[in-house]
Amino acid sequence: MKINVIGEKLPQQEIDAYIEYGKKKYPDRIIKEMTIKTDGDFVDLRYDFADIPFDRIRRITGYLVGTLDRFNDGKRAEEHDRVKHTVS
């Protein structure tokens, strides 16, 4: 994780506390970069998170699917023949 400190110099113990705070606040996210901006008694924390990979889910022939690999030949033909609507 990359740490940027803007403003006054902070002791490592305080930086570590902000890192732990971020990990507890966003337990399901991976913090790629953190910016700590100080202004007197005020501290502003900014987080840059790593991208989360996801699978595309579509509704095809009445089923929610990510891929067609589990469809039999009939369902594959049904998907192939369907009218695909687009929004302009």
PDB file of N, CA and C in Angstrom:
ATOM      1  N   MET A   1       0.838  -1.169   0.000  1.00  0.00           N
ATOM      2  CA  MET A   1       0.000   0.000   0.000  1.00  0.00           C
ATOM      3  C   MET A   1       0.890   1.241   0.000  1.00  0.00           C
ATOM      4  N   LYS A   2       0.559   2.172  -0.881  1.00  0.00           N
ATOM      5  CA  LYS A   2       1.321   3.413  -0.957  1.00  0.00           C
ATOM      6  C   LYS A   2       0.676   4.441  -0.028  1.00  0.00           C
ATOM      7  N   ILE A   3       1.498   5.118   0.769  1.00  0.00           N
ATOM      8  CA  ILE A   3       1.013   6.115   1.720  1.00  0.00           C
ATOM      9  C   ILE A   3       1.580   7.478   1.327  1.00  0.00           C
ATOM     10  N   ASN A   4       0.693   8.469   1.167  1.00  0.00           N
ATOM     11  CA  ASN A   4       1.094   9.846   0.888  1.00  0.00           C
ATOM     12  C   ASN A   4       0.707  10.702   2.087  1.00  0.00           C
ATOM     13  N   VAL A   5       1.653  11.456   2.610  1.00  0.00           N
ATOM     14  CA  VAL A   5       1.372  12.373   3.707  1.00  0.00           C
ATOM     15  C   VAL A   5       1.571  13.784   3.180  1.00  0.00           C
ATOM     16  N   ILE A   6       0.505  14.594   3.260  1.00  0.00           N
ATOM     17  CA  ILE A   6       0.554  15.985   2.798  1.00  0.00           C
ATOM     18  C   ILE A   6       0.362  16.877   4.023  1.00  0.00           C
ATOM     19  N   GLY A   7       1.255  17.828   4.184  1.00  0.00           N
ATOM     20  CA  GLY A   7       1.177  18.719   5.347  1.00  0.00           C
ATOM     21  C   GLY A   7       2.310  18.403   6.299  1.00  0.00           C
ATOM     22  N   GLU A   8       2.001  18.482   7.576  1.00  0.00           N
ATOM     23  CA  GLU A   8       3.051  18.261   8.575  1.00  0.00           C
ATOM     24  C   GLU A   8       3.474  16.800   8.634  1.00  0.00           C
ATOM     25  N   LYS A   9       4.689  16.579   9.097  1.00  0.00           N
ATOM     26  CA  LYS A   9       5.227  15.231   9.221  1.00  0.00           C
ATOM     27  C   LYS A   9       4.533  14.506  10.369  1.00  0.00           C
ATOM     28  N   LEU A  10       4.189  13.239  10.147  1.00  0.00           N
ATOM     29  CA  LEU A  10       3.504  12.439  11.153  1.00  0.00           C
ATOM     30  C   LEU A  10       4.406  11.308  11.631  1.00  0.00           C
ATOM     31  N   PRO A  11       4.305  10.962  12.925  1.00  0.00           N
ATOM     32  CA  PRO A  11       5.066   9.807  13.407  1.00  0.00           C
ATOM     33  C   PRO A  11       4.508   8.516  12.782  1.00  0.00           C
ATOM     34  N   GLN A  12       5.361   7.532  12.586  1.00  0.00           N
ATOM     35  CA  GLN A  12       4.963   6.268  11.967  1.00  0.00           C
ATOM     36  C   GLN A  12       3.827   5.592  12.732  1.00  0.00           C
ATOM     37  N   GLN A  13       3.818   5.726  14.045  1.00  0.00           N
ATOM     38  CA  GLN A  13       2.769   5.118  14.866  1.00  0.00           C
ATOM     39  C   GLN A  13       1.393   5.694  14.501  1.00  0.00           C
ATOM     40  N   GLU A  14       1.321   6.998  14.244  1.00  0.00           N
ATOM     41  CA  GLU A  14       0.052   7.626  13.858  1.00  0.00           C
ATOM     42  C   GLU A  14      -0.370   7.183  12.453  1.00  0.00           C
ATOM     43  N   ILE A  15       0.587   7.088  11.542  1.00  0.00           N
ATOM     44  CA  ILE A  15       0.292   6.601  10.186  1.00  0.00           C
ATOM     45  C   ILE A  15      -0.245   5.175  10.251  1.00  0.00           C
ATOM     46  N   ASP A  16       0.396   4.336  11.055  1.00  0.00           N
ATOM     47  CA  ASP A  16      -0.063   2.951  11.217  1.00  0.00           C
ATOM     48  C   ASP A  16      -1.486   2.888  11.769  1.00  0.00           C
ATOM     49  N   ALA A  17      -1.814   3.797  12.687  1.00  0.00           N
ATOM     50  CA  ALA A  17      -3.167   3.843  13.257  1.00  0.00           C
ATOM     51  C   ALA A  17      -4.194   4.211  12.177  1.00  0.00           C
ATOM     52  N   TYR A  18      -3.848   5.132  11.273  1.00  0.00           N
ATOM     53  CA  TYR A  18      -4.760   5.498  10.185  1.00  0.00           C
ATOM     54  C   TYR A  18      -4.931   4.341   9.206  1.00  0.00           C
ATOM     55  N   ILE A  19      -3.864   3.597   8.979  1.00  0.00           N
ATOM     56  CA  ILE A  19      -3.956   2.422   8.099  1.00  0.00           C
ATOM     57  C   ILE A  19      -4.907   1.392   8.711  1.00  0.00           C
ATOM     58  N   GLU A  20      -4.754   1.120   9.983  1.00  0.00           N
ATOM     59  CA  GLU A  20      -5.630   0.164  10.676  1.00  0.00           C
ATOM     60  C   GLU A  20      -7.080   0.643  10.666  1.00  0.00           C
ATOM     61  N   TYR A  21      -7.279   1.939  10.836  1.00  0.00           N
ATOM     62  CA  TYR A  21      -8.619   2.517  10.798  1.00  0.00           C
ATOM     63  C   TYR A  21      -9.267   2.253   9.431  1.00  0.00           C
ATOM     64  N   GLY A  22      -8.499   2.486   8.372  1.00  0.00           N
ATOM     65  CA  GLY A  22      -9.017   2.254   7.021  1.00  0.00           C
ATOM     66  C   GLY A  22      -9.352   0.791   6.776  1.00  0.00           C
ATOM     67  N   LYS A  23      -8.509  -0.103   7.257  1.00  0.00           N
ATOM     68  CA  LYS A  23      -8.760  -1.543   7.078  1.00  0.00           C
ATOM     69  C   LYS A  23     -10.011  -1.989   7.828  1.00  0.00           C
ATOM     70  N   LYS A  24     -10.250  -1.403   9.009  1.00  0.00           N
ATOM     71  CA  LYS A  24     -11.455  -1.754   9.775  1.00  0.00           C
ATOM     72  C   LYS A  24     -12.707  -1.136   9.166  1.00  0.00           C
ATOM     73  N   LYS A  25     -12.567   0.074   8.638  1.00  0.00           N
ATOM     74  CA  LYS A  25     -13.722   0.773   8.057  1.00  0.00           C
ATOM     75  C   LYS A  25     -14.159   0.120   6.740  1.00  0.00           C
ATOM     76  N   TYR A  26     -13.200  -0.388   5.965  1.00  0.00           N
ATOM     77  CA  TYR A  26     -13.478  -1.017   4.672  1.00  0.00           C
ATOM     78  C   TYR A  26     -12.911  -2.438   4.652  1.00  0.00           C
ATOM     79  N   PRO A  27     -13.474  -3.353   5.438  1.00  0.00           N
ATOM     80  CA  PRO A  27     -12.891  -4.701   5.552  1.00  0.00           C
ATOM     81  C   PRO A  27     -12.961  -5.527   4.265  1.00  0.00           C
ATOM     82  N   ASP A  28     -13.901  -5.220   3.386  1.00  0.00           N
ATOM     83  CA  ASP A  28     -14.064  -5.999   2.157  1.00  0.00           C
ATOM     84  C   ASP A  28     -13.363  -5.369   0.959  1.00  0.00           C
ATOM     85  N   ARG A  29     -12.609  -4.319   1.178  1.00  0.00           N
ATOM     86  CA  ARG A  29     -11.925  -3.631   0.087  1.00  0.00           C
ATOM     87  C   ARG A  29     -10.415  -3.716   0.293  1.00  0.00           C
ATOM     88  N   ILE A  30      -9.684  -3.647  -0.797  1.00  0.00           N
ATOM     89  CA  ILE A  30      -8.220  -3.618  -0.728  1.00  0.00           C
ATOM     90  C   ILE A  30      -7.791  -2.182  -0.986  1.00  0.00           C
ATOM     91  N   ILE A  31      -7.129  -1.588   0.001  1.00  0.00           N
ATOM     92  CA  ILE A  31      -6.666  -0.207  -0.142  1.00  0.00           C
ATOM     93  C   ILE A  31      -5.348  -0.228  -0.899  1.00  0.00           C
ATOM     94  N   LYS A  32      -5.360   0.381  -2.089  1.00  0.00           N
ATOM     95  CA  LYS A  32      -4.173   0.427  -2.935  1.00  0.00           C
ATOM     96  C   LYS A  32      -3.277   1.607  -2.538  1.00  0.00           C
ATOM     97  N   GLU A  33      -3.923   2.728  -2.204  1.00  0.00           N
ATOM     98  CA  GLU A  33      -3.179   3.934  -1.870  1.00  0.00           C
ATOM     99  C   GLU A  33      -3.984   4.733  -0.847  1.00  0.00           C
ATOM    100  N   MET A  34      -3.269   5.400   0.049  1.00  0.00           N
ATOM    101  CA  MET A  34      -3.915   6.206   1.080  1.00  0.00           C
ATOM    102  C   MET A  34      -3.211   7.545   1.164  1.00  0.00           C
ATOM    103  N   THR A  35      -4.000   8.630   1.171  1.00  0.00           N
ATOM    104  CA  THR A  35      -3.442   9.973   1.310  1.00  0.00           C
ATOM    105  C   THR A  35      -3.912  10.545   2.637  1.00  0.00           C
ATOM    106  N   ILE A  36      -2.964  10.986   3.430  1.00  0.00           N
ATOM    107  CA  ILE A  36      -3.254  11.596   4.722  1.00  0.00           C
ATOM    108  C   ILE A  36      -2.879  13.072   4.605  1.00  0.00           C
ATOM    109  N   LYS A  37      -3.892  13.937   4.677  1.00  0.00           N
ATOM    110  CA  LYS A  37      -3.658  15.380   4.549  1.00  0.00           C
ATOM    111  C   LYS A  37      -3.916  16.014   5.904  1.00  0.00           C
ATOM    112  N   THR A  38      -2.912  16.701   6.420  1.00  0.00           N
ATOM    113  CA  THR A  38      -3.041  17.330   7.734  1.00  0.00           C
ATOM    114  C   THR A  38      -3.163  18.839   7.585  1.00  0.00           C
ATOM    115  N   ASP A  39      -3.971  19.415   8.488  1.00  0.00           N
ATOM    116  CA  ASP A  39      -4.146  20.871   8.533  1.00  0.00           C
ATOM    117  C   ASP A  39      -4.380  21.244   9.994  1.00  0.00           C
ATOM    118  N   GLY A  40      -3.304  21.452  10.706  1.00  0.00           N
ATOM    119  CA  GLY A  40      -3.417  21.746  12.133  1.00  0.00           C
ATOM    120  C   GLY A  40      -3.923  20.528  12.890  1.00  0.00           C
ATOM    121  N   ASP A  41      -5.075  20.677  13.544  1.00  0.00           N
ATOM    122  CA  ASP A  41      -5.662  19.564  14.297  1.00  0.00           C
ATOM    123  C   ASP A  41      -6.554  18.673  13.430  1.00  0.00           C
ATOM    124  N   PHE A  42      -6.735  19.022  12.174  1.00  0.00           N
ATOM    125  CA  PHE A  42      -7.618  18.269  11.286  1.00  0.00           C
ATOM    126  C   PHE A  42      -6.827  17.325  10.388  1.00  0.00           C
ATOM    127  N   VAL A  43      -7.390  16.139  10.159  1.00  0.00           N
ATOM    128  CA  VAL A  43      -6.761  15.144   9.287  1.00  0.00           C
ATOM    129  C   VAL A  43      -7.808  14.678   8.287  1.00  0.00           C
ATOM    130  N   ASP A  44      -7.448  14.682   7.018  1.00  0.00           N
ATOM    131  CA  ASP A  44      -8.330  14.207   5.948  1.00  0.00           C
ATOM    132  C   ASP A  44      -7.724  12.926   5.385  1.00  0.00           C
ATOM    133  N   LEU A  45      -8.499  11.841   5.401  1.00  0.00           N
ATOM    134  CA  LEU A  45      -8.032  10.555   4.888  1.00  0.00           C
ATOM    135  C   LEU A  45      -8.717  10.271   3.557  1.00  0.00           C
ATOM    136  N   ARG A  46      -7.933   9.963   2.544  1.00  0.00           N
ATOM    137  CA  ARG A  46      -8.462   9.600   1.220  1.00  0.00           C
ATOM    138  C   ARG A  46      -7.928   8.226   0.858  1.00  0.00           C
ATOM    139  N   TYR A  47      -8.818   7.383   0.345  1.00  0.00           N
ATOM    140  CA  TYR A  47      -8.451   6.011  -0.002  1.00  0.00           C
ATOM    141  C   TYR A  47      -8.617   5.795  -1.489  1.00  0.00           C
ATOM    142  N   ASP A  48      -7.683   5.061  -2.082  1.00  0.00           N
ATOM    143  CA  ASP A  48      -7.793   4.609  -3.467  1.00  0.00           C
ATOM    144  C   ASP A  48      -7.825   3.086  -3.397  1.00  0.00           C
ATOM    145  N   PHE A  49      -8.943   2.510  -3.825  1.00  0.00           N
ATOM    146  CA  PHE A  49      -9.141   1.073  -3.689  1.00  0.00           C
ATOM    147  C   PHE A  49      -8.747   0.325  -4.956  1.00  0.00           C
ATOM    148  N   ALA A  50      -8.331  -0.913  -4.781  1.00  0.00           N
ATOM    149  CA  ALA A  50      -8.028  -1.786  -5.919  1.00  0.00           C
ATOM    150  C   ALA A  50      -9.344  -2.163  -6.594  1.00  0.00           C
ATOM    151  N   ASP A  51      -9.274  -2.391  -7.891  1.00  0.00           N
ATOM    152  CA  ASP A  51     -10.458  -2.791  -8.642  1.00  0.00           C
ATOM    153  C   ASP A  51     -10.945  -4.155  -8.159  1.00  0.00           C
ATOM    154  N   ILE A  52     -12.256  -4.315  -8.168  1.00  0.00           N
ATOM    155  CA  ILE A  52     -12.865  -5.583  -7.770  1.00  0.00           C
ATOM    156  C   ILE A  52     -13.346  -6.284  -9.033  1.00  0.00           C
ATOM    157  N   PRO A  53     -12.782  -7.450  -9.332  1.00  0.00           N
ATOM    158  CA  PRO A  53     -13.249  -8.155 -10.524  1.00  0.00           C
ATOM    159  C   PRO A  53     -14.674  -8.676 -10.308  1.00  0.00           C
ATOM    160  N   PHE A  54     -15.471  -8.668 -11.356  1.00  0.00           N
ATOM    161  CA  PHE A  54     -16.824  -9.164 -11.227  1.00  0.00           C
ATOM    162  C   PHE A  54     -17.214  -9.905 -12.503  1.00  0.00           C
ATOM    163  N   ASP A  55     -18.189 -10.768 -12.355  1.00  0.00           N
ATOM    164  CA  ASP A  55     -18.735 -11.494 -13.494  1.00  0.00           C
ATOM    165  C   ASP A  55     -20.009 -10.809 -13.939  1.00  0.00           C
ATOM    166  N   ARG A  56     -20.178 -10.714 -15.219  1.00  0.00           N
ATOM    167  CA  ARG A  56     -21.392 -10.124 -15.765  1.00  0.00           C
ATOM    168  C   ARG A  56     -22.511 -11.145 -15.658  1.00  0.00           C
ATOM    169  N   ILE A  57     -23.641 -10.727 -15.136  1.00  0.00           N
ATOM    170  CA  ILE A  57     -24.815 -11.591 -15.020  1.00  0.00           C
ATOM    171  C   ILE A  57     -25.873 -11.053 -15.979  1.00  0.00           C
ATOM    172  N   ARG A  58     -26.435 -11.942 -16.783  1.00  0.00           N
ATOM    173  CA  ARG A  58     -27.483 -11.550 -17.728  1.00  0.00           C
ATOM    174  C   ARG A  58     -28.703 -12.433 -17.522  1.00  0.00           C
ATOM    175  N   ARG A  59     -29.843 -11.918 -17.913  1.00  0.00           N
ATOM    176  CA  ARG A  59     -31.064 -12.711 -17.895  1.00  0.00           C
ATOM    177  C   ARG A  59     -31.263 -13.232 -19.313  1.00  0.00           C
ATOM    178  N   ILE A  60     -31.114 -14.539 -19.466  1.00  0.00           N
ATOM    179  CA  ILE A  60     -31.242 -15.174 -20.777  1.00  0.00           C
ATOM    180  C   ILE A  60     -32.251 -16.307 -20.660  1.00  0.00           C
ATOM    181  N   THR A  61     -33.252 -16.254 -21.496  1.00  0.00           N
ATOM    182  CA  THR A  61     -34.300 -17.280 -21.571  1.00  0.00           C
ATOM    183  C   THR A  61     -34.875 -17.610 -20.199  1.00  0.00           C
ATOM    184  N   GLY A  62     -35.052 -16.572 -19.375  1.00  0.00           N
ATOM    185  CA  GLY A  62     -35.670 -16.761 -18.071  1.00  0.00           C
ATOM    186  C   GLY A  62     -34.715 -17.138 -16.957  1.00  0.00           C
ATOM    187  N   TYR A  63     -33.418 -17.242 -17.236  1.00  0.00           N
ATOM    188  CA  TYR A  63     -32.433 -17.638 -16.228  1.00  0.00           C
ATOM    189  C   TYR A  63     -31.400 -16.530 -16.053  1.00  0.00           C
ATOM    190  N   LEU A  64     -30.943 -16.342 -14.825  1.00  0.00           N
ATOM    191  CA  LEU A  64     -29.828 -15.429 -14.578  1.00  0.00           C
ATOM    192  C   LEU A  64     -28.545 -16.234 -14.718  1.00  0.00           C
ATOM    193  N   VAL A  65     -27.723 -15.852 -15.690  1.00  0.00           N
ATOM    194  CA  VAL A  65     -26.501 -16.611 -15.964  1.00  0.00           C
ATOM    195  C   VAL A  65     -25.321 -15.679 -16.172  1.00  0.00           C
ATOM    196  N   GLY A  66     -24.143 -16.208 -15.922  1.00  0.00           N
ATOM    197  CA  GLY A  66     -22.913 -15.484 -16.208  1.00  0.00           C
ATOM    198  C   GLY A  66     -22.330 -15.945 -17.543  1.00  0.00           C
ATOM    199  N   THR A  67     -22.392 -17.249 -17.787  1.00  0.00           N
ATOM    200  CA  THR A  67     -21.890 -17.815 -19.036  1.00  0.00           C
ATOM    201  C   THR A  67     -22.893 -18.845 -19.542  1.00  0.00           C
ATOM    202  N   LEU A  68     -22.706 -19.259 -20.775  1.00  0.00           N
ATOM    203  CA  LEU A  68     -23.607 -20.239 -21.376  1.00  0.00           C
ATOM    204  C   LEU A  68     -23.057 -21.655 -21.297  1.00  0.00           C
ATOM    205  N   ASP A  69     -21.965 -21.863 -20.604  1.00  0.00           N
ATOM    206  CA  ASP A  69     -21.303 -23.166 -20.615  1.00  0.00           C
ATOM    207  C   ASP A  69     -22.150 -24.296 -20.019  1.00  0.00           C
ATOM    208  N   ARG A  70     -23.145 -23.990 -19.203  1.00  0.00           N
ATOM    209  CA  ARG A  70     -23.983 -25.038 -18.625  1.00  0.00           C
ATOM    210  C   ARG A  70     -25.296 -25.229 -19.391  1.00  0.00           C
ATOM    211  N   PHE A  71     -25.506 -24.453 -20.454  1.00  0.00           N
ATOM    212  CA  PHE A  71     -26.725 -24.593 -21.261  1.00  0.00           C
ATOM    213  C   PHE A  71     -26.599 -25.783 -22.202  1.00  0.00           C
ATOM    214  N   ASN A  72     -27.717 -26.485 -22.396  1.00  0.00           N
ATOM    215  CA  ASN A  72     -27.717 -27.559 -23.391  1.00  0.00           C
ATOM    216  C   ASN A  72     -27.926 -26.948 -24.775  1.00  0.00           C
ATOM    217  N   ASP A  73     -27.925 -27.791 -25.812  1.00  0.00           N
ATOM    218  CA  ASP A  73     -28.020 -27.294 -27.189  1.00  0.00           C
ATOM    219  C   ASP A  73     -29.307 -26.506 -27.422  1.00  0.00           C
ATOM    220  N   GLY A  74     -30.419 -26.940 -26.829  1.00  0.00           N
ATOM    221  CA  GLY A  74     -31.693 -26.243 -27.009  1.00  0.00           C
ATOM    222  C   GLY A  74     -31.659 -24.834 -26.441  1.00  0.00           C
ATOM    223  N   LYS A  75     -31.133 -24.683 -25.234  1.00  0.00           N
ATOM    224  CA  LYS A  75     -31.034 -23.356 -24.616  1.00  0.00           C
ATOM    225  C   LYS A  75     -30.034 -22.475 -25.356  1.00  0.00           C
ATOM    226  N   ARG A  76     -28.969 -23.050 -25.853  1.00  0.00           N
ATOM    227  CA  ARG A  76     -27.995 -22.266 -26.633  1.00  0.00           C
ATOM    228  C   ARG A  76     -28.641 -21.751 -27.913  1.00  0.00           C
ATOM    229  N   ALA A  77     -29.450 -22.604 -28.575  1.00  0.00           N
ATOM    230  CA  ALA A  77     -30.150 -22.181 -29.794  1.00  0.00           C
ATOM    231  C   ALA A  77     -31.165 -21.088 -29.470  1.00  0.00           C
ATOM    232  N   GLU A  78     -31.856 -21.229 -28.330  1.00  0.00           N
ATOM    233  CA  GLU A  78     -32.825 -20.222 -27.897  1.00  0.00           C
ATOM    234  C   GLU A  78     -32.130 -18.872 -27.694  1.00  0.00           C
ATOM    235  N   GLU A  79     -30.963 -18.894 -27.066  1.00  0.00           N
ATOM    236  CA  GLU A  79     -30.208 -17.655 -26.845  1.00  0.00           C
ATOM    237  C   GLU A  79     -29.729 -17.070 -28.164  1.00  0.00           C
ATOM    238  N   HIS A  80     -29.296 -17.908 -29.065  1.00  0.00           N
ATOM    239  CA  HIS A  80     -28.798 -17.452 -30.357  1.00  0.00           C
ATOM    240  C   HIS A  80     -29.902 -16.794 -31.181  1.00  0.00           C
ATOM    241  N   ASP A  81     -31.137 -17.319 -31.077  1.00  0.00           N
ATOM    242  CA  ASP A  81     -32.245 -16.829 -31.901  1.00  0.00           C
ATOM    243  C   ASP A  81     -32.989 -15.647 -31.286  1.00  0.00           C
ATOM    244  N   ARG A  82     -32.695 -15.296 -30.069  1.00  0.00           N
ATOM    245  CA  ARG A  82     -33.463 -14.225 -29.425  1.00  0.00           C
ATOM    246  C   ARG A  82     -33.158 -12.863 -30.004  1.00  0.00           C
ATOM    247  N   VAL A  83     -34.106 -11.953 -29.862  1.00  0.00           N
ATOM    248  CA  VAL A  83     -33.939 -10.582 -30.340  1.00  0.00           C
ATOM    249  C   VAL A  83     -33.241  -9.797 -29.233  1.00  0.00           C
ATOM    250  N   LYS A  84     -32.119  -9.206 -29.569  1.00  0.00           N
ATOM    251  CA  LYS A  84     -31.350  -8.442 -28.592  1.00  0.00           C
ATOM    252  C   LYS A  84     -31.744  -6.968 -28.730  1.00  0.00           C
ATOM    253  N   HIS A  85     -32.234  -6.384 -27.640  1.00  0.00           N
ATOM    254  CA  HIS A  85     -32.673  -4.992 -27.638  1.00  0.00           C
ATOM    255  C   HIS A  85     -31.550  -4.099 -27.124  1.00  0.00           C
ATOM    256  N   THR A  86     -31.403  -2.953 -27.719  1.00  0.00           N
ATOM    257  CA  THR A  86     -30.390  -1.996 -27.268  1.00  0.00           C
ATOM    258  C   THR A  86     -31.069  -0.696 -26.898  1.00  0.00           C
ATOM    259  N   VAL A  87     -30.486   0.026 -25.996  1.00  0.00           N
ATOM    260  CA  VAL A  87     -30.991   1.330 -25.578  1.00  0.00           C
ATOM    261  C   VAL A  87     -30.123   2.377 -26.230  1.00  0.00           C
ATOM    262  N   SER A  88     -30.759   3.343 -26.879  1.00  0.00           N
ATOM    263  CA  SER A  88     -29.967   4.389 -27.533  1.00  0.00           C
ATOM    264  C   SER A  88     -30.025   5.692 -26.807  1.00  0.00           C
TER     265      SER A  88
END
